[in-house]
Amino acid sequence: MQLFGGLEGRIEKLEAENAHLFNVTNILAKRLAELEKSLDGQTPAAPTKAAAAPAAKKVEESDDDDFKFSDDEDEKPAAPKETEMQKMKRLAAEKKAEADKKAKDKKKPVLKSNVILDVKPWDDETDMKELEKAVRGIEMEGLVWGSSKLVEIGFGIKKLQISTCIVDDLVGLYDLEDNVSALEDFVQSVDIASHNKI
């Protein structure tokens, strides 16, 4: 008596087909992995038995016809031929190295700023010439002092307004301000009146 109209036979047939497809899938996965390895420049997979047999026959035939009468048995083996993938990778690496070299050789523009500082003294008795001399005495790499003038604040007190040109990568604006503020004998405060990129 057949159970459910022959379902048992159909199930057995499906299981057999499933096992066959599983084996085929495994074989294809192995071949795909071998192809990927050979494309990535790794050692190519070992040839299949069918491919190895004709190669062996060719070697045997060539031994019969190969009559050499010279002492030079040291033939240089031919360099392995470069695959397309290896050639593409090599060319891309060369192109990238060339671009990096050009970028390295190309000089980056030097960014500069024009800064005007307002330096305020303690009182009207502060010697402004000594104050300016002390401020100009501050030396930093990338700092060039420019023109200066005395500006009236009120009640006879004048502030020193001095311009400077700084290289942005070398001179920090706050470091410059701290250095000027460190002249405590002359300077009450320092303000940045203007800051313009050149």
Protein backbone atom coordinates (compact mmCIF):
# COMPACT_ATOMS: atom_id res chain seq x y z
CA MET A 1 0.00 0.00 0.00
CA GLN A 2 1.38 3.41 -0.95
CA LEU A 3 1.43 6.05 1.70
CA PHE A 4 -0.09 9.34 0.56
CA GLY A 5 -0.12 8.40 -3.09
CA GLY A 6 3.63 7.72 -3.66
CA LEU A 7 5.08 10.54 -1.55
CA GLU A 8 7.65 8.20 -0.08
CA GLY A 9 9.22 7.59 -3.50
CA ARG A 10 9.18 11.27 -4.33
CA ILE A 11 10.89 12.13 -1.05
CA GLU A 12 13.63 9.57 -1.70
CA LYS A 13 14.13 10.96 -5.20
CA LEU A 14 14.36 14.55 -3.84
CA GLU A 15 16.86 13.48 -1.19
CA ALA A 16 19.04 11.83 -3.83
CA GLU A 17 18.89 14.95 -6.02
CA ASN A 18 19.68 17.13 -2.99
CA ALA A 19 22.77 15.04 -2.17
CA HIS A 20 23.91 15.25 -5.80
CA LEU A 21 23.43 19.05 -5.88
CA PHE A 22 25.33 19.35 -2.58
CA ASN A 23 28.32 17.51 -4.10
CA VAL A 24 28.21 19.63 -7.27
CA THR A 25 28.07 22.81 -5.17
CA ASN A 26 31.14 21.73 -3.18
CA ILE A 27 33.07 20.98 -6.37
CA LEU A 28 32.15 24.36 -7.86
CA ALA A 29 33.14 26.15 -4.65
CA LYS A 30 36.57 24.48 -4.72
CA ARG A 31 37.11 25.42 -8.36
CA LEU A 32 36.05 28.99 -7.68
CA ALA A 33 38.52 29.24 -4.79
CA GLU A 34 41.29 27.91 -7.07
CA LEU A 35 40.44 30.49 -9.74
CA GLU A 36 40.43 33.31 -7.20
CA LYS A 37 43.84 32.25 -5.94
CA SER A 38 45.30 32.18 -9.42
CA LEU A 39 43.79 35.58 -10.26
CA ASP A 40 45.17 37.11 -7.07
CA GLY A 41 48.67 36.18 -8.13
CA GLN A 42 48.99 33.31 -5.70
CA THR A 43 50.31 29.97 -6.78
CA PRO A 44 47.93 28.41 -9.25
CA ALA A 45 46.12 25.31 -8.16
CA ALA A 46 47.46 21.90 -9.14
CA PRO A 47 46.19 20.86 -12.56
CA THR A 48 43.54 18.21 -12.74
CA LYS A 49 44.44 14.65 -13.71
CA ALA A 50 43.07 15.09 -17.21
CA ALA A 51 45.22 18.15 -17.82
CA ALA A 52 48.35 16.52 -16.35
CA ALA A 53 48.22 13.48 -18.65
CA PRO A 54 48.60 15.35 -22.01
CA ALA A 55 51.45 17.39 -20.56
CA ALA A 56 53.30 14.21 -19.64
CA LYS A 57 52.90 12.84 -23.17
CA LYS A 58 54.35 16.02 -24.66
CA VAL A 59 57.42 15.76 -22.43
CA GLU A 60 58.00 12.14 -23.51
CA GLU A 61 57.70 13.01 -27.20
CA SER A 62 60.07 15.95 -26.90
CA ASP A 63 62.71 13.79 -25.21
CA ASP A 64 62.96 11.58 -28.28
CA ASP A 65 63.44 14.48 -30.66
CA ASP A 66 65.78 16.50 -28.47
CA PHE A 67 69.35 15.89 -29.58
CA LYS A 68 71.74 18.43 -28.14
CA PHE A 69 75.40 18.24 -28.85
CA SER A 70 76.49 21.22 -26.79
CA ASP A 71 77.83 21.35 -23.29
CA ASP A 72 75.45 24.18 -22.32
CA GLU A 73 72.88 22.30 -20.34
CA ASP A 74 72.28 25.33 -18.12
CA GLU A 75 69.38 26.92 -19.90
CA LYS A 76 67.77 29.82 -18.14
CA PRO A 77 64.19 29.02 -17.28
CA ALA A 78 61.72 31.35 -18.90
CA ALA A 79 60.29 33.93 -16.55
CA PRO A 80 56.72 33.10 -15.59
CA LYS A 81 54.34 35.03 -17.76
CA GLU A 82 52.49 37.81 -15.99
CA THR A 83 48.73 37.34 -15.82
CA GLU A 84 46.37 40.14 -16.74
CA MET A 85 45.37 40.62 -13.10
CA GLN A 86 49.01 40.83 -12.00
CA LYS A 87 49.75 43.29 -14.80
CA MET A 88 46.81 45.49 -13.80
CA LYS A 89 47.88 45.46 -10.15
CA ARG A 90 51.48 46.27 -11.06
CA LEU A 91 50.45 49.16 -13.30
CA ALA A 92 48.09 50.54 -10.66
CA ALA A 93 50.86 50.39 -8.04
CA GLU A 94 53.28 52.17 -10.38
CA LYS A 95 50.71 54.86 -11.16
CA LYS A 96 49.99 55.39 -7.46
CA ALA A 97 53.70 55.63 -6.64
CA GLU A 98 54.18 58.20 -9.40
CA ALA A 99 51.22 60.26 -8.16
CA ASP A 100 52.55 60.13 -4.58
CA LYS A 101 55.96 61.30 -5.80
CA LYS A 102 54.40 64.22 -7.67
CA ALA A 103 52.32 65.19 -4.65
CA LYS A 104 55.42 65.03 -2.45
CA ASP A 105 57.45 67.15 -4.86
CA LYS A 106 54.72 69.74 -5.20
CA LYS A 107 55.25 72.42 -2.59
CA LYS A 108 52.35 73.26 -0.37
CA PRO A 109 51.54 76.98 -0.31
CA VAL A 110 52.66 78.78 2.81
CA LEU A 111 49.67 80.25 4.61
CA LYS A 112 50.31 83.63 6.18
CA SER A 113 48.24 86.08 8.17
CA ASN A 114 48.47 89.79 8.85
CA VAL A 115 47.72 90.47 12.51
CA ILE A 116 47.37 93.83 14.25
CA LEU A 117 47.80 93.77 18.02
CA ASP A 118 46.61 96.40 20.48
CA VAL A 119 49.08 96.49 23.37
CA LYS A 120 47.79 98.51 26.33
CA PRO A 121 50.20 99.85 28.98
CA TRP A 122 49.59 100.04 32.72
CA ASP A 123 49.32 103.82 32.87
CA ASP A 124 50.33 107.08 31.20
CA GLU A 125 53.78 106.95 32.81
CA THR A 126 54.80 103.77 30.93
CA ASP A 127 57.63 104.45 28.49
CA MET A 128 56.02 103.54 25.13
CA LYS A 129 59.36 103.42 23.29
CA GLU A 130 60.64 100.80 25.75
CA LEU A 131 57.32 98.95 25.42
CA GLU A 132 57.65 98.84 21.63
CA LYS A 133 61.30 97.78 21.92
CA ALA A 134 60.33 94.95 24.29
CA VAL A 135 57.49 93.80 22.01
CA ARG A 136 59.74 93.83 18.93
CA GLY A 137 62.29 91.85 20.94
CA ILE A 138 59.97 88.83 20.86
CA GLU A 139 61.35 86.49 18.23
CA MET A 140 59.65 83.41 16.85
CA GLU A 141 60.21 81.44 13.66
CA GLY A 142 57.70 82.71 11.08
CA LEU A 143 57.11 86.07 12.83
CA VAL A 144 57.92 89.40 11.18
CA TRP A 145 57.11 92.66 12.91
CA GLY A 146 55.68 95.46 10.80
CA SER A 147 54.76 99.07 11.33
CA SER A 148 53.46 100.48 14.59
CA LYS A 149 51.74 103.60 15.86
CA LEU A 150 50.54 105.04 19.14
CA VAL A 151 46.78 105.48 19.42
CA GLU A 152 45.18 107.74 22.05
CA ILE A 153 42.87 105.85 24.44
CA GLY A 154 41.94 108.62 26.86
CA PHE A 155 43.25 110.60 29.84
CA GLY A 156 46.66 110.85 28.20
CA ILE A 157 47.06 107.07 27.90
CA LYS A 158 48.13 105.69 24.54
CA LYS A 159 48.16 102.11 23.31
CA LEU A 160 50.67 100.59 20.94
CA GLN A 161 49.09 99.29 17.75
CA ILE A 162 51.61 97.07 15.99
CA SER A 163 51.21 94.93 12.88
CA THR A 164 52.88 91.63 12.26
CA CYS A 165 52.97 88.99 9.55
CA ILE A 166 52.92 85.41 10.77
CA VAL A 167 53.26 82.03 9.08
CA ASP A 168 50.17 80.17 10.27
CA ASP A 169 51.86 76.77 10.57
CA LEU A 170 54.75 78.12 12.65
CA VAL A 171 53.27 80.83 14.87
CA GLY A 172 50.25 80.29 17.05
CA LEU A 173 48.22 83.44 17.56
CA TYR A 174 47.58 82.65 21.20
CA ASP A 175 51.26 81.88 21.78
CA LEU A 176 52.15 85.29 20.37
CA GLU A 177 49.54 86.94 22.57
CA ASP A 178 50.89 85.11 25.64
CA ASN A 179 54.47 86.15 24.84
CA VAL A 180 53.47 89.81 24.62
CA SER A 181 51.40 89.52 27.82
CA ALA A 182 54.43 88.09 29.58
CA LEU A 183 56.04 91.54 29.43
CA GLU A 184 54.33 92.39 32.74
CA ASP A 185 56.48 95.44 33.48
CA PHE A 186 55.02 97.26 30.46
CA VAL A 187 51.89 95.44 29.30
CA GLN A 188 48.50 95.47 31.02
CA SER A 189 46.65 93.59 28.23
CA VAL A 190 46.90 92.53 24.62
CA ASP A 191 44.02 92.35 22.14
CA ILE A 192 43.92 91.17 18.55
CA ALA A 193 42.60 94.20 16.64
CA SER A 194 42.48 92.42 13.28
CA HIS A 195 43.46 89.11 11.75
CA ASN A 196 43.50 88.77 7.96
CA LYS A 197 44.70 85.86 5.84
CA ILE A 198 47.17 86.83 3.14
